[in-house]
N, C-alpha and C. Protein backbone atom coordinates (compact mmCIF):
# COMPACT_ATOMS: atom_id res chain seq x y z
N MET A 1 0.85 -1.18 0.00
CA MET A 1 0.00 0.00 0.00
C MET A 1 0.89 1.23 0.00
N SER A 2 0.59 2.18 -0.83
CA SER A 2 1.36 3.42 -0.90
C SER A 2 0.44 4.58 -0.56
N VAL A 3 0.93 5.48 0.25
CA VAL A 3 0.13 6.61 0.69
C VAL A 3 0.87 7.89 0.36
N SER A 4 0.18 8.86 -0.16
CA SER A 4 0.78 10.17 -0.38
C SER A 4 0.34 11.05 0.78
N SER A 5 1.30 11.42 1.61
CA SER A 5 0.96 12.23 2.77
C SER A 5 1.10 13.71 2.43
N PRO A 6 0.37 14.57 3.12
CA PRO A 6 0.48 16.00 2.88
C PRO A 6 1.91 16.48 3.09
N ALA A 7 2.65 15.85 3.98
CA ALA A 7 4.01 16.28 4.26
C ALA A 7 4.91 16.10 3.05
N SER A 8 4.63 15.10 2.22
CA SER A 8 5.52 14.83 1.09
C SER A 8 5.37 15.86 -0.02
N ALA A 9 4.20 16.45 -0.14
CA ALA A 9 3.94 17.35 -1.25
C ALA A 9 4.81 18.60 -1.20
N SER A 10 5.14 19.10 -0.04
CA SER A 10 5.89 20.34 0.05
C SER A 10 7.33 20.13 0.49
N ALA A 11 7.81 18.90 0.41
CA ALA A 11 9.17 18.61 0.88
C ALA A 11 10.20 19.20 -0.07
N PRO A 12 11.19 19.92 0.48
CA PRO A 12 12.24 20.49 -0.36
C PRO A 12 13.25 19.41 -0.73
N ALA A 13 14.08 19.71 -1.69
CA ALA A 13 15.20 18.84 -2.04
C ALA A 13 16.46 19.68 -2.01
N GLY A 14 17.59 19.03 -1.84
CA GLY A 14 18.87 19.72 -1.78
C GLY A 14 19.15 20.45 -3.09
N VAL A 15 20.25 21.21 -3.12
CA VAL A 15 20.64 22.00 -4.28
C VAL A 15 20.75 21.13 -5.53
N SER A 16 21.24 19.91 -5.40
CA SER A 16 21.40 19.01 -6.53
C SER A 16 20.07 18.41 -6.99
N GLY A 17 18.99 18.69 -6.28
CA GLY A 17 17.70 18.09 -6.58
C GLY A 17 17.49 16.80 -5.81
N ARG A 18 18.55 16.30 -5.20
CA ARG A 18 18.47 15.09 -4.38
C ARG A 18 18.25 15.50 -2.93
N PRO A 19 17.39 14.80 -2.21
CA PRO A 19 17.18 15.17 -0.81
C PRO A 19 18.44 14.88 0.03
N THR A 20 18.75 15.79 0.91
CA THR A 20 19.86 15.64 1.83
C THR A 20 19.37 14.93 3.10
N GLN A 21 20.29 14.59 3.98
CA GLN A 21 19.90 14.02 5.27
C GLN A 21 18.97 14.98 6.01
N ALA A 22 19.28 16.28 5.95
CA ALA A 22 18.43 17.27 6.62
C ALA A 22 17.03 17.31 6.00
N ASP A 23 16.94 17.21 4.67
CA ASP A 23 15.63 17.18 4.00
C ASP A 23 14.82 15.96 4.45
N LEU A 24 15.50 14.81 4.53
CA LEU A 24 14.81 13.58 4.93
C LEU A 24 14.33 13.67 6.38
N LEU A 25 15.16 14.24 7.25
CA LEU A 25 14.76 14.40 8.65
C LEU A 25 13.59 15.37 8.76
N ASP A 26 13.63 16.45 8.02
CA ASP A 26 12.52 17.41 8.04
C ASP A 26 11.23 16.74 7.55
N PHE A 27 11.31 15.98 6.48
CA PHE A 27 10.14 15.23 5.98
C PHE A 27 9.61 14.28 7.06
N ALA A 28 10.52 13.52 7.68
CA ALA A 28 10.09 12.55 8.70
C ALA A 28 9.43 13.27 9.88
N ARG A 29 9.97 14.41 10.29
CA ARG A 29 9.37 15.17 11.40
C ARG A 29 7.97 15.66 11.05
N ARG A 30 7.84 16.26 9.86
CA ARG A 30 6.53 16.80 9.47
C ARG A 30 5.51 15.67 9.30
N THR A 31 5.94 14.55 8.74
CA THR A 31 5.03 13.42 8.54
C THR A 31 4.63 12.80 9.88
N ALA A 32 5.60 12.68 10.81
CA ALA A 32 5.30 12.13 12.14
C ALA A 32 4.32 13.00 12.90
N ALA A 33 4.25 14.28 12.57
CA ALA A 33 3.31 15.19 13.23
C ALA A 33 1.91 15.13 12.62
N ASP A 34 1.73 14.38 11.55
CA ASP A 34 0.42 14.25 10.88
C ASP A 34 -0.39 13.19 11.64
N THR A 35 -1.13 13.63 12.63
CA THR A 35 -1.83 12.71 13.53
C THR A 35 -2.85 11.82 12.80
N GLU A 36 -3.48 12.35 11.76
CA GLU A 36 -4.45 11.55 10.99
C GLU A 36 -3.74 10.40 10.27
N LEU A 37 -2.60 10.69 9.66
CA LEU A 37 -1.84 9.64 8.97
C LEU A 37 -1.34 8.60 9.97
N ILE A 38 -0.80 9.04 11.09
CA ILE A 38 -0.27 8.12 12.10
C ILE A 38 -1.38 7.20 12.61
N ALA A 39 -2.56 7.77 12.86
CA ALA A 39 -3.69 6.98 13.37
C ALA A 39 -4.22 5.99 12.32
N SER A 40 -3.92 6.21 11.05
CA SER A 40 -4.43 5.34 9.99
C SER A 40 -3.63 4.05 9.83
N LEU A 41 -2.46 3.95 10.45
CA LEU A 41 -1.63 2.76 10.28
C LEU A 41 -2.25 1.58 11.01
N PRO A 42 -2.52 0.48 10.30
CA PRO A 42 -3.04 -0.70 11.00
C PRO A 42 -1.92 -1.29 11.86
N LEU A 43 -2.25 -1.62 13.10
CA LEU A 43 -1.26 -2.18 14.03
C LEU A 43 -1.55 -3.64 14.27
N ASP A 44 -0.51 -4.44 14.27
CA ASP A 44 -0.61 -5.88 14.51
C ASP A 44 -0.01 -6.15 15.88
N PRO A 45 -0.65 -6.96 16.72
CA PRO A 45 -0.11 -7.21 18.06
C PRO A 45 1.18 -8.02 18.06
N GLU A 46 1.51 -8.67 16.95
CA GLU A 46 2.67 -9.56 16.96
C GLU A 46 3.79 -9.18 16.01
N GLY A 47 3.50 -8.55 14.90
CA GLY A 47 4.53 -8.25 13.92
C GLY A 47 4.49 -6.79 13.50
N ARG A 48 5.63 -6.32 13.01
CA ARG A 48 5.68 -4.94 12.52
C ARG A 48 4.78 -4.79 11.30
N THR A 49 4.20 -3.62 11.15
CA THR A 49 3.40 -3.29 9.98
C THR A 49 4.02 -2.07 9.33
N TRP A 50 3.79 -1.91 8.04
CA TRP A 50 4.35 -0.76 7.36
C TRP A 50 3.50 -0.39 6.16
N VAL A 51 3.60 0.90 5.82
CA VAL A 51 2.94 1.46 4.66
C VAL A 51 3.98 2.33 3.96
N ARG A 52 4.10 2.15 2.66
CA ARG A 52 5.02 2.99 1.89
C ARG A 52 4.41 4.36 1.69
N LEU A 53 5.23 5.39 1.83
CA LEU A 53 4.81 6.78 1.65
C LEU A 53 5.53 7.39 0.46
N SER A 54 5.02 8.50 -0.05
CA SER A 54 5.71 9.27 -1.08
C SER A 54 6.71 10.19 -0.38
N GLY A 55 7.99 9.94 -0.57
CA GLY A 55 9.03 10.74 0.06
C GLY A 55 9.47 11.89 -0.83
N PRO A 56 10.26 12.80 -0.29
CA PRO A 56 10.70 13.97 -1.06
C PRO A 56 11.77 13.60 -2.09
N GLY A 57 11.71 14.24 -3.25
CA GLY A 57 12.77 14.15 -4.24
C GLY A 57 13.12 12.74 -4.70
N GLY A 58 12.13 11.86 -4.78
CA GLY A 58 12.40 10.50 -5.24
C GLY A 58 12.92 9.57 -4.16
N SER A 59 12.82 10.00 -2.91
CA SER A 59 13.28 9.14 -1.81
C SER A 59 12.25 8.06 -1.52
N GLU A 60 12.68 7.06 -0.79
CA GLU A 60 11.81 5.98 -0.33
C GLU A 60 11.42 6.30 1.11
N ALA A 61 10.14 6.19 1.44
CA ALA A 61 9.69 6.52 2.80
C ALA A 61 8.69 5.47 3.28
N TRP A 62 8.68 5.27 4.60
CA TRP A 62 7.83 4.25 5.21
C TRP A 62 7.27 4.75 6.53
N LEU A 63 6.04 4.37 6.79
CA LEU A 63 5.40 4.52 8.10
C LEU A 63 5.41 3.12 8.70
N ILE A 64 6.01 2.96 9.89
CA ILE A 64 6.21 1.63 10.46
C ILE A 64 5.60 1.55 11.86
N GLY A 65 4.85 0.47 12.11
CA GLY A 65 4.29 0.19 13.43
C GLY A 65 5.11 -0.91 14.10
N TRP A 66 5.44 -0.69 15.36
CA TRP A 66 6.29 -1.59 16.14
C TRP A 66 5.52 -2.12 17.33
N PRO A 67 5.12 -3.39 17.34
CA PRO A 67 4.48 -3.94 18.54
C PRO A 67 5.47 -3.96 19.71
N PRO A 68 4.96 -4.06 20.92
CA PRO A 68 5.84 -4.15 22.09
C PRO A 68 6.88 -5.26 21.93
N GLY A 69 8.12 -4.94 22.27
CA GLY A 69 9.18 -5.94 22.27
C GLY A 69 9.77 -6.30 20.91
N THR A 70 9.48 -5.54 19.86
CA THR A 70 10.01 -5.87 18.54
C THR A 70 11.20 -4.98 18.18
N GLY A 71 11.95 -5.43 17.18
CA GLY A 71 13.10 -4.67 16.72
C GLY A 71 13.54 -5.13 15.35
N THR A 72 14.54 -4.46 14.82
CA THR A 72 15.00 -4.73 13.47
C THR A 72 16.14 -5.73 13.41
N GLY A 73 16.89 -5.88 14.49
CA GLY A 73 18.17 -6.57 14.40
C GLY A 73 19.19 -5.62 13.80
N TRP A 74 20.46 -5.98 13.88
CA TRP A 74 21.53 -5.13 13.34
C TRP A 74 21.48 -5.16 11.81
N HIS A 75 21.58 -3.96 11.20
CA HIS A 75 21.53 -3.84 9.75
C HIS A 75 22.11 -2.50 9.32
N ASP A 76 22.32 -2.36 8.01
CA ASP A 76 22.63 -1.04 7.45
C ASP A 76 21.80 -0.86 6.20
N HIS A 77 21.88 0.33 5.61
CA HIS A 77 21.10 0.67 4.43
C HIS A 77 21.99 0.91 3.22
N ALA A 78 23.16 0.26 3.22
CA ALA A 78 24.10 0.32 2.10
C ALA A 78 24.43 1.77 1.74
N ASP A 79 24.24 2.13 0.47
CA ASP A 79 24.66 3.45 -0.01
C ASP A 79 23.62 4.55 0.20
N SER A 80 22.56 4.27 0.90
CA SER A 80 21.53 5.28 1.14
C SER A 80 21.80 6.07 2.40
N VAL A 81 21.47 7.36 2.38
CA VAL A 81 21.41 8.16 3.60
C VAL A 81 19.97 8.09 4.08
N GLY A 82 19.72 8.40 5.33
CA GLY A 82 18.36 8.28 5.82
C GLY A 82 18.08 9.08 7.05
N ALA A 83 16.84 8.99 7.49
CA ALA A 83 16.39 9.64 8.71
C ALA A 83 15.14 8.92 9.19
N PHE A 84 14.92 8.98 10.51
CA PHE A 84 13.67 8.47 11.04
C PHE A 84 13.29 9.27 12.27
N VAL A 85 11.97 9.33 12.51
CA VAL A 85 11.41 10.06 13.64
C VAL A 85 10.34 9.19 14.26
N THR A 86 10.33 9.12 15.59
CA THR A 86 9.29 8.41 16.31
C THR A 86 8.05 9.29 16.34
N ALA A 87 6.93 8.74 15.91
CA ALA A 87 5.66 9.48 15.88
C ALA A 87 4.81 9.18 17.12
N ALA A 88 4.94 7.96 17.66
CA ALA A 88 4.18 7.56 18.85
C ALA A 88 5.01 6.53 19.60
N GLY A 89 4.87 6.52 20.92
CA GLY A 89 5.64 5.59 21.74
C GLY A 89 7.08 6.04 21.85
N GLU A 90 7.99 5.08 22.02
CA GLU A 90 9.41 5.39 22.12
C GLU A 90 10.21 4.26 21.48
N LEU A 91 11.22 4.65 20.72
CA LEU A 91 12.15 3.68 20.14
C LEU A 91 13.52 3.88 20.75
N LYS A 92 14.32 2.84 20.70
CA LYS A 92 15.70 2.90 21.17
C LYS A 92 16.57 2.47 20.00
N GLU A 93 17.65 3.19 19.77
CA GLU A 93 18.59 2.84 18.70
C GLU A 93 19.95 2.53 19.30
N HIS A 94 20.48 1.38 18.92
CA HIS A 94 21.88 1.03 19.18
C HIS A 94 22.58 1.23 17.85
N SER A 95 23.72 1.90 17.85
CA SER A 95 24.46 2.09 16.60
C SER A 95 25.96 1.97 16.85
N LEU A 96 26.69 1.92 15.76
CA LEU A 96 28.15 1.82 15.83
C LEU A 96 28.75 3.12 15.31
N ALA A 97 29.62 3.72 16.10
CA ALA A 97 30.33 4.93 15.70
C ALA A 97 31.64 4.49 15.04
N ALA A 98 31.52 3.77 13.94
CA ALA A 98 32.68 3.27 13.22
C ALA A 98 32.29 3.07 11.77
N ARG A 99 33.17 3.39 10.88
CA ARG A 99 32.94 3.14 9.45
C ARG A 99 33.43 1.73 9.15
N LEU A 100 32.55 0.89 8.70
CA LEU A 100 32.90 -0.49 8.38
C LEU A 100 33.27 -0.60 6.91
N PRO A 101 34.11 -1.55 6.58
CA PRO A 101 34.36 -1.78 5.15
C PRO A 101 33.04 -2.16 4.47
N THR A 102 32.86 -1.73 3.23
CA THR A 102 31.58 -1.98 2.57
C THR A 102 31.49 -3.36 1.95
N ASP A 103 32.59 -3.96 1.59
CA ASP A 103 32.57 -5.26 0.93
C ASP A 103 33.77 -6.09 1.36
N GLY A 104 33.71 -7.39 1.07
CA GLY A 104 34.86 -8.25 1.23
C GLY A 104 35.09 -8.78 2.63
N TRP A 105 34.07 -8.77 3.48
CA TRP A 105 34.25 -9.31 4.83
C TRP A 105 32.99 -10.05 5.25
N LYS A 106 33.17 -10.98 6.15
CA LYS A 106 32.04 -11.73 6.73
C LYS A 106 31.99 -11.54 8.23
N THR A 107 33.15 -11.34 8.86
CA THR A 107 33.21 -11.19 10.31
C THR A 107 34.20 -10.08 10.66
N LEU A 108 33.80 -9.20 11.58
CA LEU A 108 34.67 -8.12 12.05
C LEU A 108 34.69 -8.11 13.56
N GLU A 109 35.85 -7.82 14.12
CA GLU A 109 35.93 -7.59 15.55
C GLU A 109 35.90 -6.09 15.76
N LEU A 110 34.91 -5.62 16.51
CA LEU A 110 34.72 -4.20 16.75
C LEU A 110 35.64 -3.71 17.85
N SER A 111 36.10 -2.48 17.71
CA SER A 111 36.93 -1.86 18.74
C SER A 111 36.07 -1.48 19.94
N ASP A 112 36.70 -1.35 21.08
CA ASP A 112 35.99 -0.84 22.26
C ASP A 112 35.58 0.61 22.00
N GLY A 113 34.48 1.01 22.59
CA GLY A 113 34.04 2.40 22.51
C GLY A 113 33.27 2.78 21.26
N VAL A 114 32.91 1.82 20.41
CA VAL A 114 32.17 2.17 19.18
C VAL A 114 30.65 2.15 19.37
N ASP A 115 30.19 1.62 20.49
CA ASP A 115 28.74 1.50 20.71
C ASP A 115 28.11 2.82 21.14
N ARG A 116 26.98 3.12 20.52
CA ARG A 116 26.19 4.30 20.88
C ARG A 116 24.76 3.85 21.13
N GLU A 117 24.06 4.56 21.99
CA GLU A 117 22.67 4.25 22.30
C GLU A 117 21.92 5.56 22.42
N ARG A 118 20.73 5.61 21.85
CA ARG A 118 19.89 6.80 22.03
C ARG A 118 18.43 6.38 22.13
N ARG A 119 17.73 7.08 22.99
CA ARG A 119 16.29 6.90 23.14
C ARG A 119 15.60 7.97 22.33
N LEU A 120 14.56 7.56 21.62
CA LEU A 120 13.84 8.47 20.74
C LEU A 120 12.35 8.42 21.06
N PRO A 121 11.91 9.27 22.02
CA PRO A 121 10.48 9.35 22.31
C PRO A 121 9.75 10.06 21.16
N ALA A 122 8.44 10.09 21.21
CA ALA A 122 7.64 10.72 20.16
C ALA A 122 8.15 12.14 19.88
N GLY A 123 8.32 12.44 18.59
CA GLY A 123 8.79 13.74 18.15
C GLY A 123 10.31 13.82 17.97
N LYS A 124 11.03 12.83 18.43
CA LYS A 124 12.49 12.83 18.30
C LYS A 124 12.92 11.89 17.19
N GLY A 125 14.01 12.23 16.54
CA GLY A 125 14.52 11.40 15.47
C GLY A 125 15.96 11.70 15.19
N ARG A 126 16.44 11.15 14.09
CA ARG A 126 17.83 11.38 13.71
C ARG A 126 18.03 11.08 12.24
N ALA A 127 19.06 11.70 11.71
CA ALA A 127 19.49 11.43 10.34
C ALA A 127 20.79 10.64 10.42
N PHE A 128 21.12 9.93 9.34
CA PHE A 128 22.35 9.16 9.32
C PHE A 128 22.88 9.05 7.90
N GLY A 129 24.18 8.78 7.81
CA GLY A 129 24.85 8.69 6.52
C GLY A 129 24.88 7.28 5.97
N ARG A 130 25.57 7.14 4.87
CA ARG A 130 25.72 5.84 4.20
C ARG A 130 26.41 4.84 5.11
N HIS A 131 26.02 3.60 4.99
CA HIS A 131 26.64 2.48 5.70
C HIS A 131 26.50 2.59 7.21
N HIS A 132 25.49 3.28 7.69
CA HIS A 132 25.24 3.42 9.14
C HIS A 132 24.69 2.09 9.66
N VAL A 133 25.41 1.46 10.59
CA VAL A 133 25.01 0.17 11.14
C VAL A 133 24.29 0.41 12.46
N HIS A 134 23.04 -0.12 12.56
CA HIS A 134 22.26 0.09 13.79
C HIS A 134 21.21 -0.99 13.94
N GLU A 135 20.59 -0.97 15.11
CA GLU A 135 19.36 -1.73 15.33
C GLU A 135 18.40 -0.80 16.05
N VAL A 136 17.12 -0.95 15.75
CA VAL A 136 16.07 -0.11 16.34
C VAL A 136 15.10 -1.04 17.06
N LEU A 137 14.71 -0.64 18.27
CA LEU A 137 13.89 -1.49 19.14
C LEU A 137 12.74 -0.71 19.77
N ASN A 138 11.62 -1.41 19.95
CA ASN A 138 10.55 -0.92 20.81
C ASN A 138 10.62 -1.79 22.07
N GLU A 139 11.19 -1.26 23.13
CA GLU A 139 11.38 -2.04 24.36
C GLU A 139 10.18 -2.01 25.29
N SER A 140 9.14 -1.28 24.92
CA SER A 140 7.96 -1.22 25.78
C SER A 140 7.34 -2.61 25.92
N PRO A 141 6.93 -2.98 27.12
CA PRO A 141 6.28 -4.27 27.29
C PRO A 141 4.81 -4.27 26.87
N ASP A 142 4.23 -3.06 26.67
CA ASP A 142 2.78 -3.04 26.45
C ASP A 142 2.29 -1.94 25.51
N ARG A 143 3.17 -1.25 24.82
CA ARG A 143 2.73 -0.13 23.98
C ARG A 143 3.40 -0.18 22.61
N HIS A 144 2.59 -0.02 21.57
CA HIS A 144 3.12 0.10 20.22
C HIS A 144 3.92 1.40 20.09
N ALA A 145 4.85 1.40 19.16
CA ALA A 145 5.51 2.62 18.72
C ALA A 145 5.24 2.73 17.22
N ILE A 146 5.28 3.96 16.72
CA ILE A 146 5.11 4.22 15.29
C ILE A 146 6.20 5.19 14.88
N SER A 147 6.77 4.97 13.71
CA SER A 147 7.84 5.86 13.24
C SER A 147 7.73 6.09 11.74
N VAL A 148 8.40 7.16 11.29
CA VAL A 148 8.47 7.52 9.88
C VAL A 148 9.94 7.45 9.47
N HIS A 149 10.22 6.76 8.35
CA HIS A 149 11.58 6.57 7.85
C HIS A 149 11.66 7.06 6.41
N ALA A 150 12.80 7.64 6.03
CA ALA A 150 13.01 8.07 4.64
C ALA A 150 14.47 7.80 4.26
N TYR A 151 14.68 7.35 3.01
CA TYR A 151 16.01 6.98 2.52
C TYR A 151 16.22 7.50 1.11
N TYR A 152 17.43 7.96 0.84
CA TYR A 152 17.80 8.34 -0.53
C TYR A 152 19.25 7.97 -0.77
N PRO A 153 19.52 7.34 -1.90
CA PRO A 153 18.54 6.88 -2.89
C PRO A 153 17.69 5.76 -2.31
N PRO A 154 16.57 5.42 -3.00
CA PRO A 154 15.76 4.31 -2.51
C PRO A 154 16.66 3.10 -2.25
N LEU A 155 16.33 2.37 -1.21
CA LEU A 155 17.21 1.31 -0.70
C LEU A 155 17.60 0.30 -1.78
N PRO A 156 18.91 0.22 -2.10
CA PRO A 156 19.36 -0.77 -3.07
C PRO A 156 19.49 -2.15 -2.42
N GLN A 157 19.75 -2.15 -1.12
CA GLN A 157 19.86 -3.39 -0.36
C GLN A 157 19.94 -3.06 1.13
N ILE A 158 19.69 -4.07 1.93
CA ILE A 158 19.89 -3.97 3.37
C ILE A 158 20.78 -5.14 3.75
N ARG A 159 21.87 -4.84 4.44
CA ARG A 159 22.73 -5.91 4.93
C ARG A 159 22.36 -6.18 6.38
N ARG A 160 22.11 -7.44 6.71
CA ARG A 160 21.73 -7.86 8.06
C ARG A 160 22.93 -8.53 8.73
N TYR A 161 23.08 -8.22 10.03
CA TYR A 161 24.21 -8.71 10.80
C TYR A 161 23.74 -9.41 12.07
N SER A 162 24.58 -10.29 12.58
CA SER A 162 24.39 -10.80 13.93
C SER A 162 25.55 -10.24 14.75
N ARG A 163 25.34 -10.18 16.06
CA ARG A 163 26.38 -9.63 16.91
C ARG A 163 26.49 -10.48 18.16
N SER A 164 27.73 -10.82 18.50
CA SER A 164 28.03 -11.53 19.73
C SER A 164 29.21 -10.82 20.36
N GLY A 165 28.95 -10.09 21.45
CA GLY A 165 30.02 -9.30 22.07
C GLY A 165 30.54 -8.26 21.09
N GLN A 166 31.83 -8.30 20.82
CA GLN A 166 32.45 -7.34 19.90
C GLN A 166 32.57 -7.89 18.48
N VAL A 167 31.96 -9.04 18.21
CA VAL A 167 32.05 -9.65 16.88
C VAL A 167 30.76 -9.39 16.10
N LEU A 168 30.93 -8.75 14.94
CA LEU A 168 29.81 -8.48 14.03
C LEU A 168 29.98 -9.39 12.82
N ARG A 169 28.92 -10.10 12.47
CA ARG A 169 28.99 -11.06 11.36
C ARG A 169 27.91 -10.73 10.34
N LEU A 170 28.32 -10.60 9.07
CA LEU A 170 27.37 -10.41 7.98
C LEU A 170 26.60 -11.70 7.78
N GLU A 171 25.27 -11.64 7.88
CA GLU A 171 24.44 -12.84 7.78
C GLU A 171 23.66 -12.94 6.47
N GLN A 172 23.21 -11.78 5.96
CA GLN A 172 22.29 -11.82 4.82
C GLN A 172 22.29 -10.48 4.12
N ILE A 173 22.10 -10.51 2.82
CA ILE A 173 21.90 -9.28 2.04
C ILE A 173 20.51 -9.37 1.42
N GLU A 174 19.66 -8.40 1.75
CA GLU A 174 18.30 -8.36 1.21
C GLU A 174 18.23 -7.31 0.11
N ARG A 175 17.45 -7.57 -0.89
CA ARG A 175 17.23 -6.64 -2.00
C ARG A 175 15.75 -6.19 -1.93
N PRO A 176 15.42 -5.10 -2.62
CA PRO A 176 14.04 -4.58 -2.55
C PRO A 176 12.96 -5.61 -2.77
N GLU A 177 13.16 -6.55 -3.68
CA GLU A 177 12.12 -7.55 -3.93
C GLU A 177 11.86 -8.44 -2.72
N ASP A 178 12.78 -8.46 -1.75
CA ASP A 178 12.60 -9.26 -0.55
C ASP A 178 11.63 -8.64 0.45
N TRP A 179 11.39 -7.32 0.39
CA TRP A 179 10.53 -6.68 1.39
C TRP A 179 9.39 -5.87 0.79
N GLN A 180 9.24 -5.84 -0.50
CA GLN A 180 8.15 -5.04 -1.07
C GLN A 180 6.99 -5.87 -1.50
C-alpha cells in the first residue's frame, strides 16, 4: 500500500535536486506530526506493519508500526542516507560509531568504545549517513511505537548482521524484492 501524505507534497530537495539528510529528517518530522496519517496505520499485536509513503525528491519513505518488544536486528542501508522520527511511543537505537568496510568481509571484531545508544520518544529522530550500522527497538512491554523513515537513494539493499560481544557477522543481504 502506498500513501501520499500531505508532508511529502511540500518537501524540499537539496541543491542538486536530491534530498539531503536534513531534508529527509525534516520530511520525517513533518510526517510524524500528521496525527491523521499516524492513526491510519493498521497495528498488529505480533509483527511490525508498514505502509510505503511518497518521500521527497524521489526518496523511499515508510510509516512503520512496532508492537511491544520488537526490533530490526543489526543492519545497514548500504549506499543510502536516511532519517527516522518516532511518531508515537518510544524507540531505542543502538548504533556503531565506526565506518565499516563496505565489501569483502564476513566477520569483524569491533573496537571498544564504538557503541552508541539513544532513546527516541515521540517527536524525536535522527538522520544518518551511508553504511550506518544500527538496530532499532521498541522495548515497551505493552505499547506500540510508530515511526516515519526516509532513505535516498531508494534502498538498493539492506545488509543484516548478527552480533556476539564485539564480533559483528554479515548474515544476509536483502534486496528490494525481498521486502516489497
